[in-house]
Amino acid sequence: MRELASSTGWSRRHLERWFREQIGPTPKGAAQVLRIQPALPLKRAGMPWAIAATAAGFHDQPHFSHTFKTMIGCTPGRFHNGRSTGTPDDLLDFLPEQVTSILLAQ
């Protein structure tokens, strides 16, 4: 962010504020979503969460679960079960102030 801010002539804080206005999550939040994304298709393919989490670059399943719950607002298991059996109108798609499954869809 520091490099990008200096190349644009904006302060880092201004750049982060602009990013959040345009994208929704903070730059760090967007980076976390990008880290979470690779684990979801692995889980859909039948992999256990622990393996999907480490394959996505997390140290272990608890680290993945903590990050997931912080970003999405529910546990990975609840999210996966809701997406497997839910409808497009499910509440998991519309969590206020949270990165929602629409951003996680691949």
PDB file of N, CA and C in Angstrom:
ATOM      1  N   MET A   1       0.822  -1.181   0.000  1.00  0.00           N
ATOM      2  CA  MET A   1       0.000   0.000   0.000  1.00  0.00           C
ATOM      3  C   MET A   1       0.877   1.261   0.000  1.00  0.00           C
ATOM      4  N   ARG A   2       1.976   1.196   0.731  1.00  0.00           N
ATOM      5  CA  ARG A   2       2.852   2.376   0.815  1.00  0.00           C
ATOM      6  C   ARG A   2       3.382   2.737  -0.574  1.00  0.00           C
ATOM      7  N   GLU A   3       3.813   1.723  -1.320  1.00  0.00           N
ATOM      8  CA  GLU A   3       4.339   1.966  -2.666  1.00  0.00           C
ATOM      9  C   GLU A   3       3.269   2.527  -3.590  1.00  0.00           C
ATOM     10  N   LEU A   4       2.095   1.931  -3.531  1.00  0.00           N
ATOM     11  CA  LEU A   4       0.981   2.383  -4.377  1.00  0.00           C
ATOM     12  C   LEU A   4       0.592   3.810  -4.017  1.00  0.00           C
ATOM     13  N   ALA A   5       0.525   4.102  -2.734  1.00  0.00           N
ATOM     14  CA  ALA A   5       0.170   5.451  -2.297  1.00  0.00           C
ATOM     15  C   ALA A   5       1.186   6.475  -2.810  1.00  0.00           C
ATOM     16  N   SER A   6       2.460   6.152  -2.686  1.00  0.00           N
ATOM     17  CA  SER A   6       3.472   7.122  -3.137  1.00  0.00           C
ATOM     18  C   SER A   6       3.439   7.292  -4.655  1.00  0.00           C
ATOM     19  N   SER A   7       3.115   6.235  -5.387  1.00  0.00           N
ATOM     20  CA  SER A   7       3.070   6.365  -6.848  1.00  0.00           C
ATOM     21  C   SER A   7       1.846   7.143  -7.326  1.00  0.00           C
ATOM     22  N   THR A   8       0.783   7.189  -6.512  1.00  0.00           N
ATOM     23  CA  THR A   8      -0.409   7.946  -6.893  1.00  0.00           C
ATOM     24  C   THR A   8      -0.368   9.380  -6.372  1.00  0.00           C
ATOM     25  N   GLY A   9       0.508   9.616  -5.387  1.00  0.00           N
ATOM     26  CA  GLY A   9       0.557  10.935  -4.780  1.00  0.00           C
ATOM     27  C   GLY A   9      -0.447  11.097  -3.649  1.00  0.00           C
ATOM     28  N   TRP A  10      -1.187  10.044  -3.344  1.00  0.00           N
ATOM     29  CA  TRP A  10      -2.158  10.079  -2.247  1.00  0.00           C
ATOM     30  C   TRP A  10      -1.491   9.562  -0.979  1.00  0.00           C
ATOM     31  N   SER A  11      -2.057   9.929   0.147  1.00  0.00           N
ATOM     32  CA  SER A  11      -1.582   9.345   1.398  1.00  0.00           C
ATOM     33  C   SER A  11      -2.089   7.907   1.482  1.00  0.00           C
ATOM     34  N   ARG A  12      -1.418   7.113   2.276  1.00  0.00           N
ATOM     35  CA  ARG A  12      -1.847   5.721   2.444  1.00  0.00           C
ATOM     36  C   ARG A  12      -3.265   5.663   2.995  1.00  0.00           C
ATOM     37  N   ARG A  13      -3.559   6.517   3.948  1.00  0.00           N
ATOM     38  CA  ARG A  13      -4.891   6.547   4.548  1.00  0.00           C
ATOM     39  C   ARG A  13      -5.959   6.925   3.516  1.00  0.00           C
ATOM     40  N   HIS A  14      -5.669   7.908   2.683  1.00  0.00           N
ATOM     41  CA  HIS A  14      -6.621   8.316   1.648  1.00  0.00           C
ATOM     42  C   HIS A  14      -6.850   7.174   0.654  1.00  0.00           C
ATOM     43  N   LEU A  15      -5.777   6.512   0.264  1.00  0.00           N
ATOM     44  CA  LEU A  15      -5.887   5.393  -0.663  1.00  0.00           C
ATOM     45  C   LEU A  15      -6.723   4.260  -0.062  1.00  0.00           C
ATOM     46  N   GLU A  16      -6.475   3.947   1.203  1.00  0.00           N
ATOM     47  CA  GLU A  16      -7.268   2.904   1.862  1.00  0.00           C
ATOM     48  C   GLU A  16      -8.734   3.297   1.949  1.00  0.00           C
ATOM     49  N   ARG A  17      -9.033   4.546   2.258  1.00  0.00           N
ATOM     50  CA  ARG A  17     -10.415   5.021   2.336  1.00  0.00           C
ATOM     51  C   ARG A  17     -11.092   4.925   0.961  1.00  0.00           C
ATOM     52  N   TRP A  18     -10.375   5.343  -0.087  1.00  0.00           N
ATOM     53  CA  TRP A  18     -10.905   5.259  -1.447  1.00  0.00           C
ATOM     54  C   TRP A  18     -11.171   3.801  -1.829  1.00  0.00           C
ATOM     55  N   PHE A  19     -10.235   2.919  -1.505  1.00  0.00           N
ATOM     56  CA  PHE A  19     -10.380   1.496  -1.802  1.00  0.00           C
ATOM     57  C   PHE A  19     -11.655   0.955  -1.153  1.00  0.00           C
ATOM     58  N   ARG A  20     -11.837   1.283   0.112  1.00  0.00           N
ATOM     59  CA  ARG A  20     -13.014   0.792   0.839  1.00  0.00           C
ATOM     60  C   ARG A  20     -14.304   1.335   0.237  1.00  0.00           C
ATOM     61  N   GLU A  21     -14.310   2.592  -0.168  1.00  0.00           N
ATOM     62  CA  GLU A  21     -15.501   3.175  -0.801  1.00  0.00           C
ATOM     63  C   GLU A  21     -15.825   2.477  -2.119  1.00  0.00           C
ATOM     64  N   GLN A  22     -14.803   2.127  -2.876  1.00  0.00           N
ATOM     65  CA  GLN A  22     -15.002   1.535  -4.196  1.00  0.00           C
ATOM     66  C   GLN A  22     -15.275   0.029  -4.147  1.00  0.00           C
ATOM     67  N   ILE A  23     -14.597  -0.686  -3.265  1.00  0.00           N
ATOM     68  CA  ILE A  23     -14.625  -2.147  -3.241  1.00  0.00           C
ATOM     69  C   ILE A  23     -15.514  -2.689  -2.132  1.00  0.00           C
ATOM     70  N   GLY A  24     -15.523  -2.047  -0.983  1.00  0.00           N
ATOM     71  CA  GLY A  24     -16.303  -2.534   0.162  1.00  0.00           C
ATOM     72  C   GLY A  24     -15.400  -2.854   1.331  1.00  0.00           C
ATOM     73  N   PRO A  25     -14.697  -3.962   1.275  1.00  0.00           N
ATOM     74  CA  PRO A  25     -13.774  -4.256   2.371  1.00  0.00           C
ATOM     75  C   PRO A  25     -12.514  -3.404   2.274  1.00  0.00           C
ATOM     76  N   THR A  26     -11.759  -3.384   3.349  1.00  0.00           N
ATOM     77  CA  THR A  26     -10.464  -2.706   3.341  1.00  0.00           C
ATOM     78  C   THR A  26      -9.507  -3.492   2.443  1.00  0.00           C
ATOM     79  N   PRO A  27      -8.367  -2.924   2.094  1.00  0.00           N
ATOM     80  CA  PRO A  27      -7.391  -3.699   1.319  1.00  0.00           C
ATOM     81  C   PRO A  27      -7.006  -5.002   2.014  1.00  0.00           C
ATOM     82  N   LYS A  28      -6.811  -4.940   3.336  1.00  0.00           N
ATOM     83  CA  LYS A  28      -6.481  -6.161   4.069  1.00  0.00           C
ATOM     84  C   LYS A  28      -7.643  -7.149   4.014  1.00  0.00           C
ATOM     85  N   GLY A  29      -8.874  -6.657   4.145  1.00  0.00           N
ATOM     86  CA  GLY A  29     -10.044  -7.528   4.061  1.00  0.00           C
ATOM     87  C   GLY A  29     -10.166  -8.187   2.695  1.00  0.00           C
ATOM     88  N   ALA A  30      -9.899  -7.416   1.644  1.00  0.00           N
ATOM     89  CA  ALA A  30      -9.942  -7.978   0.292  1.00  0.00           C
ATOM     90  C   ALA A  30      -8.865  -9.043   0.124  1.00  0.00           C
ATOM     91  N   ALA A  31      -7.696  -8.796   0.688  1.00  0.00           N
ATOM     92  CA  ALA A  31      -6.617  -9.788   0.628  1.00  0.00           C
ATOM     93  C   ALA A  31      -7.027 -11.065   1.363  1.00  0.00           C
ATOM     94  N   GLN A  32      -7.721 -10.922   2.487  1.00  0.00           N
ATOM     95  CA  GLN A  32      -8.186 -12.103   3.226  1.00  0.00           C
ATOM     96  C   GLN A  32      -9.201 -12.891   2.403  1.00  0.00           C
ATOM     97  N   VAL A  33     -10.104 -12.201   1.719  1.00  0.00           N
ATOM     98  CA  VAL A  33     -11.072 -12.896   0.856  1.00  0.00           C
ATOM     99  C   VAL A  33     -10.328 -13.670  -0.224  1.00  0.00           C
ATOM    100  N   LEU A  34      -9.320 -13.043  -0.804  1.00  0.00           N
ATOM    101  CA  LEU A  34      -8.539 -13.729  -1.843  1.00  0.00           C
ATOM    102  C   LEU A  34      -7.811 -14.944  -1.286  1.00  0.00           C
ATOM    103  N   ARG A  35      -7.449 -14.904  -0.010  1.00  0.00           N
ATOM    104  CA  ARG A  35      -6.809 -16.066   0.626  1.00  0.00           C
ATOM    105  C   ARG A  35      -7.823 -17.165   0.892  1.00  0.00           C
ATOM    106  N   ILE A  36      -9.050 -16.796   1.236  1.00  0.00           N
ATOM    107  CA  ILE A  36     -10.094 -17.772   1.559  1.00  0.00           C
ATOM    108  C   ILE A  36     -10.597 -18.476   0.302  1.00  0.00           C
ATOM    109  N   GLN A  37     -10.714 -17.745  -0.792  1.00  0.00           N
ATOM    110  CA  GLN A  37     -11.326 -18.274  -2.016  1.00  0.00           C
ATOM    111  C   GLN A  37     -10.819 -19.634  -2.470  1.00  0.00           C
ATOM    112  N   PRO A  38      -9.529 -19.898  -2.503  1.00  0.00           N
ATOM    113  CA  PRO A  38      -9.071 -21.194  -3.018  1.00  0.00           C
ATOM    114  C   PRO A  38      -9.526 -22.395  -2.185  1.00  0.00           C
ATOM    115  N   ALA A  39      -9.831 -22.190  -0.918  1.00  0.00           N
ATOM    116  CA  ALA A  39     -10.254 -23.313  -0.072  1.00  0.00           C
ATOM    117  C   ALA A  39     -11.673 -23.783  -0.398  1.00  0.00           C
ATOM    118  N   LEU A  40     -12.518 -22.893  -0.890  1.00  0.00           N
ATOM    119  CA  LEU A  40     -13.926 -23.248  -1.103  1.00  0.00           C
ATOM    120  C   LEU A  40     -14.140 -24.310  -2.179  1.00  0.00           C
ATOM    121  N   PRO A  41     -13.533 -24.191  -3.364  1.00  0.00           N
ATOM    122  CA  PRO A  41     -13.721 -25.258  -4.350  1.00  0.00           C
ATOM    123  C   PRO A  41     -13.102 -26.585  -3.896  1.00  0.00           C
ATOM    124  N   LEU A  42     -12.043 -26.502  -3.105  1.00  0.00           N
ATOM    125  CA  LEU A  42     -11.438 -27.737  -2.592  1.00  0.00           C
ATOM    126  C   LEU A  42     -12.415 -28.449  -1.648  1.00  0.00           C
ATOM    127  N   LYS A  43     -13.092 -27.678  -0.818  1.00  0.00           N
ATOM    128  CA  LYS A  43     -14.090 -28.269   0.083  1.00  0.00           C
ATOM    129  C   LYS A  43     -15.260 -28.824  -0.724  1.00  0.00           C
ATOM    130  N   ARG A  44     -15.720 -28.077  -1.723  1.00  0.00           N
ATOM    131  CA  ARG A  44     -16.815 -28.571  -2.577  1.00  0.00           C
ATOM    132  C   ARG A  44     -16.424 -29.868  -3.280  1.00  0.00           C
ATOM    133  N   ALA A  45     -15.136 -30.041  -3.548  1.00  0.00           N
ATOM    134  CA  ALA A  45     -14.651 -31.258  -4.208  1.00  0.00           C
ATOM    135  C   ALA A  45     -14.514 -32.418  -3.230  1.00  0.00           C
ATOM    136  N   GLY A  46     -14.812 -32.170  -1.927  1.00  0.00           N
ATOM    137  CA  GLY A  46     -14.801 -33.248  -0.954  1.00  0.00           C
ATOM    138  C   GLY A  46     -13.620 -33.282  -0.010  1.00  0.00           C
ATOM    139  N   MET A  47     -12.733 -32.308  -0.116  1.00  0.00           N
ATOM    140  CA  MET A  47     -11.569 -32.265   0.755  1.00  0.00           C
ATOM    141  C   MET A  47     -11.982 -31.833   2.163  1.00  0.00           C
ATOM    142  N   PRO A  48     -11.369 -32.385   3.193  1.00  0.00           N
ATOM    143  CA  PRO A  48     -11.644 -31.893   4.553  1.00  0.00           C
ATOM    144  C   PRO A  48     -11.164 -30.438   4.700  1.00  0.00           C
ATOM    145  N   TRP A  49     -11.780 -29.703   5.605  1.00  0.00           N
ATOM    146  CA  TRP A  49     -11.402 -28.311   5.807  1.00  0.00           C
ATOM    147  C   TRP A  49      -9.920 -28.163   6.122  1.00  0.00           C
ATOM    148  N   ALA A  50      -9.365 -29.047   6.935  1.00  0.00           N
ATOM    149  CA  ALA A  50      -7.955 -28.921   7.320  1.00  0.00           C
ATOM    150  C   ALA A  50      -7.042 -28.947   6.096  1.00  0.00           C
ATOM    151  N   ILE A  51      -7.303 -29.828   5.170  1.00  0.00           N
ATOM    152  CA  ILE A  51      -6.475 -29.934   3.961  1.00  0.00           C
ATOM    153  C   ILE A  51      -6.746 -28.753   3.032  1.00  0.00           C
ATOM    154  N   ALA A  52      -8.015 -28.389   2.879  1.00  0.00           N
ATOM    155  CA  ALA A  52      -8.366 -27.241   2.032  1.00  0.00           C
ATOM    156  C   ALA A  52      -7.717 -25.964   2.569  1.00  0.00           C
ATOM    157  N   ALA A  53      -7.706 -25.813   3.894  1.00  0.00           N
ATOM    158  CA  ALA A  53      -7.123 -24.619   4.510  1.00  0.00           C
ATOM    159  C   ALA A  53      -5.625 -24.534   4.262  1.00  0.00           C
ATOM    160  N   THR A  54      -4.922 -25.629   4.465  1.00  0.00           N
ATOM    161  CA  THR A  54      -3.472 -25.593   4.248  1.00  0.00           C
ATOM    162  C   THR A  54      -3.138 -25.458   2.763  1.00  0.00           C
ATOM    163  N   ALA A  55      -3.938 -26.076   1.906  1.00  0.00           N
ATOM    164  CA  ALA A  55      -3.713 -25.924   0.462  1.00  0.00           C
ATOM    165  C   ALA A  55      -3.938 -24.477   0.014  1.00  0.00           C
ATOM    166  N   ALA A  56      -4.785 -23.747   0.734  1.00  0.00           N
ATOM    167  CA  ALA A  56      -5.047 -22.346   0.404  1.00  0.00           C
ATOM    168  C   ALA A  56      -4.021 -21.413   1.032  1.00  0.00           C
ATOM    169  N   GLY A  57      -3.059 -21.969   1.761  1.00  0.00           N
ATOM    170  CA  GLY A  57      -1.978 -21.159   2.303  1.00  0.00           C
ATOM    171  C   GLY A  57      -2.110 -20.766   3.759  1.00  0.00           C
ATOM    172  N   PHE A  58      -3.103 -21.307   4.453  1.00  0.00           N
ATOM    173  CA  PHE A  58      -3.237 -21.023   5.877  1.00  0.00           C
ATOM    174  C   PHE A  58      -2.352 -21.981   6.658  1.00  0.00           C
ATOM    175  N   HIS A  59      -1.889 -21.528   7.817  1.00  0.00           N
ATOM    176  CA  HIS A  59      -0.997 -22.345   8.645  1.00  0.00           C
ATOM    177  C   HIS A  59      -1.681 -23.628   9.091  1.00  0.00           C
ATOM    178  N   ASP A  60      -2.953 -23.513   9.493  1.00  0.00           N
ATOM    179  CA  ASP A  60      -3.704 -24.681   9.932  1.00  0.00           C
ATOM    180  C   ASP A  60      -5.201 -24.359   9.880  1.00  0.00           C
ATOM    181  N   GLN A  61      -6.029 -25.349  10.191  1.00  0.00           N
ATOM    182  CA  GLN A  61      -7.480 -25.155  10.116  1.00  0.00           C
ATOM    183  C   GLN A  61      -7.978 -24.100  11.106  1.00  0.00           C
ATOM    184  N   PRO A  62      -7.493 -24.074  12.363  1.00  0.00           N
ATOM    185  CA  PRO A  62      -7.982 -23.023  13.268  1.00  0.00           C
ATOM    186  C   PRO A  62      -7.695 -21.605  12.756  1.00  0.00           C
ATOM    187  N   HIS A  63      -6.527 -21.412  12.151  1.00  0.00           N
ATOM    188  CA  HIS A  63      -6.195 -20.105  11.578  1.00  0.00           C
ATOM    189  C   HIS A  63      -7.178 -19.768  10.462  1.00  0.00           C
ATOM    190  N   PHE A  64      -7.445 -20.721   9.589  1.00  0.00           N
ATOM    191  CA  PHE A  64      -8.408 -20.532   8.509  1.00  0.00           C
ATOM    192  C   PHE A  64      -9.794 -20.233   9.077  1.00  0.00           C
ATOM    193  N   SER A  65     -10.230 -21.028  10.047  1.00  0.00           N
ATOM    194  CA  SER A  65     -11.568 -20.861  10.617  1.00  0.00           C
ATOM    195  C   SER A  65     -11.733 -19.494  11.265  1.00  0.00           C
ATOM    196  N   HIS A  66     -10.707 -19.057  11.981  1.00  0.00           N
ATOM    197  CA  HIS A  66     -10.769 -17.744  12.630  1.00  0.00           C
ATOM    198  C   HIS A  66     -10.881 -16.635  11.581  1.00  0.00           C
ATOM    199  N   THR A  67     -10.045 -16.694  10.563  1.00  0.00           N
ATOM    200  CA  THR A  67     -10.081 -15.685   9.500  1.00  0.00           C
ATOM    201  C   THR A  67     -11.418 -15.716   8.782  1.00  0.00           C
ATOM    202  N   PHE A  68     -11.901 -16.908   8.481  1.00  0.00           N
ATOM    203  CA  PHE A  68     -13.166 -17.069   7.780  1.00  0.00           C
ATOM    204  C   PHE A  68     -14.302 -16.452   8.591  1.00  0.00           C
ATOM    205  N   LYS A  69     -14.375 -16.805   9.865  1.00  0.00           N
ATOM    206  CA  LYS A  69     -15.460 -16.309  10.712  1.00  0.00           C
ATOM    207  C   LYS A  69     -15.387 -14.790  10.867  1.00  0.00           C
ATOM    208  N   THR A  70     -14.186 -14.259  10.977  1.00  0.00           N
ATOM    209  CA  THR A  70     -14.018 -12.814  11.077  1.00  0.00           C
ATOM    210  C   THR A  70     -14.495 -12.122   9.810  1.00  0.00           C
ATOM    211  N   MET A  71     -14.168 -12.683   8.655  1.00  0.00           N
ATOM    212  CA  MET A  71     -14.510 -12.049   7.390  1.00  0.00           C
ATOM    213  C   MET A  71     -15.966 -12.275   6.973  1.00  0.00           C
ATOM    214  N   ILE A  72     -16.476 -13.488   7.184  1.00  0.00           N
ATOM    215  CA  ILE A  72     -17.782 -13.860   6.645  1.00  0.00           C
ATOM    216  C   ILE A  72     -18.891 -13.753   7.685  1.00  0.00           C
ATOM    217  N   GLY A  73     -18.544 -13.940   8.938  1.00  0.00           N
ATOM    218  CA  GLY A  73     -19.555 -13.809   9.984  1.00  0.00           C
ATOM    219  C   GLY A  73     -20.141 -15.120  10.453  1.00  0.00           C
ATOM    220  N   CYS A  74     -19.636 -16.221   9.933  1.00  0.00           N
ATOM    221  CA  CYS A  74     -20.070 -17.545  10.384  1.00  0.00           C
ATOM    222  C   CYS A  74     -18.914 -18.519  10.174  1.00  0.00           C
ATOM    223  N   THR A  75     -19.060 -19.715  10.703  1.00  0.00           N
ATOM    224  CA  THR A  75     -18.000 -20.709  10.556  1.00  0.00           C
ATOM    225  C   THR A  75     -17.950 -21.236   9.125  1.00  0.00           C
ATOM    226  N   PRO A  76     -16.822 -21.774   8.708  1.00  0.00           N
ATOM    227  CA  PRO A  76     -16.750 -22.363   7.367  1.00  0.00           C
ATOM    228  C   PRO A  76     -17.785 -23.481   7.172  1.00  0.00           C
ATOM    229  N   GLY A  77     -17.989 -24.308   8.199  1.00  0.00           N
ATOM    230  CA  GLY A  77     -18.966 -25.394   8.087  1.00  0.00           C
ATOM    231  C   GLY A  77     -20.381 -24.886   7.876  1.00  0.00           C
ATOM    232  N   ARG A  78     -20.771 -23.866   8.635  1.00  0.00           N
ATOM    233  CA  ARG A  78     -22.116 -23.301   8.476  1.00  0.00           C
ATOM    234  C   ARG A  78     -22.270 -22.690   7.087  1.00  0.00           C
ATOM    235  N   PHE A  79     -21.244 -21.987   6.652  1.00  0.00           N
ATOM    236  CA  PHE A  79     -21.278 -21.384   5.323  1.00  0.00           C
ATOM    237  C   PHE A  79     -21.429 -22.453   4.244  1.00  0.00           C
ATOM    238  N   HIS A  80     -20.591 -23.482   4.331  1.00  0.00           N
ATOM    239  CA  HIS A  80     -20.622 -24.553   3.330  1.00  0.00           C
ATOM    240  C   HIS A  80     -21.972 -25.270   3.329  1.00  0.00           C
ATOM    241  N   ASN A  81     -22.475 -25.596   4.511  1.00  0.00           N
ATOM    242  CA  ASN A  81     -23.782 -26.264   4.592  1.00  0.00           C
ATOM    243  C   ASN A  81     -24.890 -25.377   4.058  1.00  0.00           C
ATOM    244  N   GLY A  82     -24.837 -24.103   4.377  1.00  0.00           N
ATOM    245  CA  GLY A  82     -25.844 -23.169   3.881  1.00  0.00           C
ATOM    246  C   GLY A  82     -25.799 -23.016   2.381  1.00  0.00           C
ATOM    247  N   ARG A  83     -24.601 -22.999   1.815  1.00  0.00           N
ATOM    248  CA  ARG A  83     -24.467 -22.871   0.357  1.00  0.00           C
ATOM    249  C   ARG A  83     -24.852 -24.166  -0.336  1.00  0.00           C
ATOM    250  N   SER A  84     -24.661 -25.311   0.336  1.00  0.00           N
ATOM    251  CA  SER A  84     -24.992 -26.602  -0.271  1.00  0.00           C
ATOM    252  C   SER A  84     -26.494 -26.841  -0.305  1.00  0.00           C
ATOM    253  N   THR A  85     -27.190 -26.359   0.719  1.00  0.00           N
ATOM    254  CA  THR A  85     -28.623 -26.650   0.827  1.00  0.00           C
ATOM    255  C   THR A  85     -29.491 -25.415   0.695  1.00  0.00           C
ATOM    256  N   GLY A  86     -28.878 -24.258   0.598  1.00  0.00           N
ATOM    257  CA  GLY A  86     -29.644 -23.015   0.611  1.00  0.00           C
ATOM    258  C   GLY A  86     -30.166 -22.612  -0.752  1.00  0.00           C
ATOM    259  N   THR A  87     -30.839 -21.485  -0.734  1.00  0.00           N
ATOM    260  CA  THR A  87     -31.371 -20.878  -1.956  1.00  0.00           C
ATOM    261  C   THR A  87     -30.647 -19.553  -2.164  1.00  0.00           C
ATOM    262  N   PRO A  88     -30.791 -18.961  -3.332  1.00  0.00           N
ATOM    263  CA  PRO A  88     -30.124 -17.674  -3.562  1.00  0.00           C
ATOM    264  C   PRO A  88     -30.583 -16.562  -2.617  1.00  0.00           C
ATOM    265  N   ASP A  89     -31.723 -16.733  -1.966  1.00  0.00           N
ATOM    266  CA  ASP A  89     -32.226 -15.698  -1.052  1.00  0.00           C
ATOM    267  C   ASP A  89     -31.771 -15.896   0.379  1.00  0.00           C
ATOM    268  N   ASP A  90     -30.903 -16.876   0.633  1.00  0.00           N
ATOM    269  CA  ASP A  90     -30.447 -17.143   1.991  1.00  0.00           C
ATOM    270  C   ASP A  90     -29.790 -15.927   2.622  1.00  0.00           C
ATOM    271  N   LEU A  91     -29.905 -15.832   3.928  1.00  0.00           N
ATOM    272  CA  LEU A  91     -29.311 -14.718   4.662  1.00  0.00           C
ATOM    273  C   LEU A  91     -27.796 -14.690   4.548  1.00  0.00           C
ATOM    274  N   LEU A  92     -27.157 -15.828   4.291  1.00  0.00           N
ATOM    275  CA  LEU A  92     -25.696 -15.824   4.157  1.00  0.00           C
ATOM    276  C   LEU A  92     -25.239 -14.957   2.991  1.00  0.00           C
ATOM    277  N   ASP A  93     -26.134 -14.701   2.059  1.00  0.00           N
ATOM    278  CA  ASP A  93     -25.771 -13.843   0.938  1.00  0.00           C
ATOM    279  C   ASP A  93     -25.917 -12.368   1.269  1.00  0.00           C
ATOM    280  N   PHE A  94     -26.503 -12.054   2.406  1.00  0.00           N
ATOM    281  CA  PHE A  94     -26.790 -10.660   2.734  1.00  0.00           C
ATOM    282  C   PHE A  94     -26.510 -10.363   4.192  1.00  0.00           C
ATOM    283  N   LEU A  95     -25.273 -10.543   4.617  1.00  0.00           N
ATOM    284  CA  LEU A  95     -24.889 -10.225   5.982  1.00  0.00           C
ATOM    285  C   LEU A  95     -24.429  -8.773   6.032  1.00  0.00           C
ATOM    286  N   PRO A  96     -25.135  -7.924   6.783  1.00  0.00           N
ATOM    287  CA  PRO A  96     -24.748  -6.512   6.837  1.00  0.00           C
ATOM    288  C   PRO A  96     -23.323  -6.345   7.350  1.00  0.00           C
ATOM    289  N   GLU A  97     -22.594  -5.447   6.711  1.00  0.00           N
ATOM    290  CA  GLU A  97     -21.230  -5.110   7.115  1.00  0.00           C
ATOM    291  C   GLU A  97     -20.256  -6.282   7.021  1.00  0.00           C
ATOM    292  N   GLN A  98     -20.574  -7.324   6.276  1.00  0.00           N
ATOM    293  CA  GLN A  98     -19.690  -8.474   6.134  1.00  0.00           C
ATOM    294  C   GLN A  98     -19.427  -8.735   4.656  1.00  0.00           C
ATOM    295  N   VAL A  99     -18.285  -9.305   4.368  1.00  0.00           N
ATOM    296  CA  VAL A  99     -18.009  -9.795   3.029  1.00  0.00           C
ATOM    297  C   VAL A  99     -18.926 -10.990   2.835  1.00  0.00           C
ATOM    298  N   THR A 100     -19.749 -10.985   1.827  1.00  0.00           N
ATOM    299  CA  THR A 100     -20.740 -12.034   1.690  1.00  0.00           C
ATOM    300  C   THR A 100     -20.346 -13.065   0.645  1.00  0.00           C
ATOM    301  N   SER A 101     -21.135 -14.113   0.585  1.00  0.00           N
ATOM    302  CA  SER A 101     -20.809 -15.232  -0.297  1.00  0.00           C
ATOM    303  C   SER A 101     -20.780 -14.824  -1.756  1.00  0.00           C
ATOM    304  N   ILE A 102     -21.446 -13.757  -2.120  1.00  0.00           N
ATOM    305  CA  ILE A 102     -21.411 -13.329  -3.508  1.00  0.00           C
ATOM    306  C   ILE A 102     -19.980 -12.988  -3.916  1.00  0.00           C
ATOM    307  N   LEU A 103     -19.186 -12.469  -2.986  1.00  0.00           N
ATOM    308  CA  LEU A 103     -17.784 -12.191  -3.273  1.00  0.00           C
ATOM    309  C   LEU A 103     -16.941 -13.438  -3.276  1.00  0.00           C
ATOM    310  N   LEU A 104     -17.436 -14.477  -2.629  1.00  0.00           N
ATOM    311  CA  LEU A 104     -16.661 -15.713  -2.525  1.00  0.00           C
ATOM    312  C   LEU A 104     -16.999 -16.691  -3.628  1.00  0.00           C
ATOM    313  N   ALA A 105     -18.074 -16.444  -4.347  1.00  0.00           N
ATOM    314  CA  ALA A 105     -18.497 -17.368  -5.413  1.00  0.00           C
ATOM    315  C   ALA A 105     -17.431 -17.429  -6.487  1.00  0.00           C
ATOM    316  N   GLN A 106     -17.235 -18.621  -7.008  1.00  0.00           N
ATOM    317  CA  GLN A 106     -16.253 -18.771  -8.087  1.00  0.00           C
ATOM    318  C   GLN A 106     -16.890 -19.373  -9.294  1.00  0.00           C
TER     319      GLN A 106
END
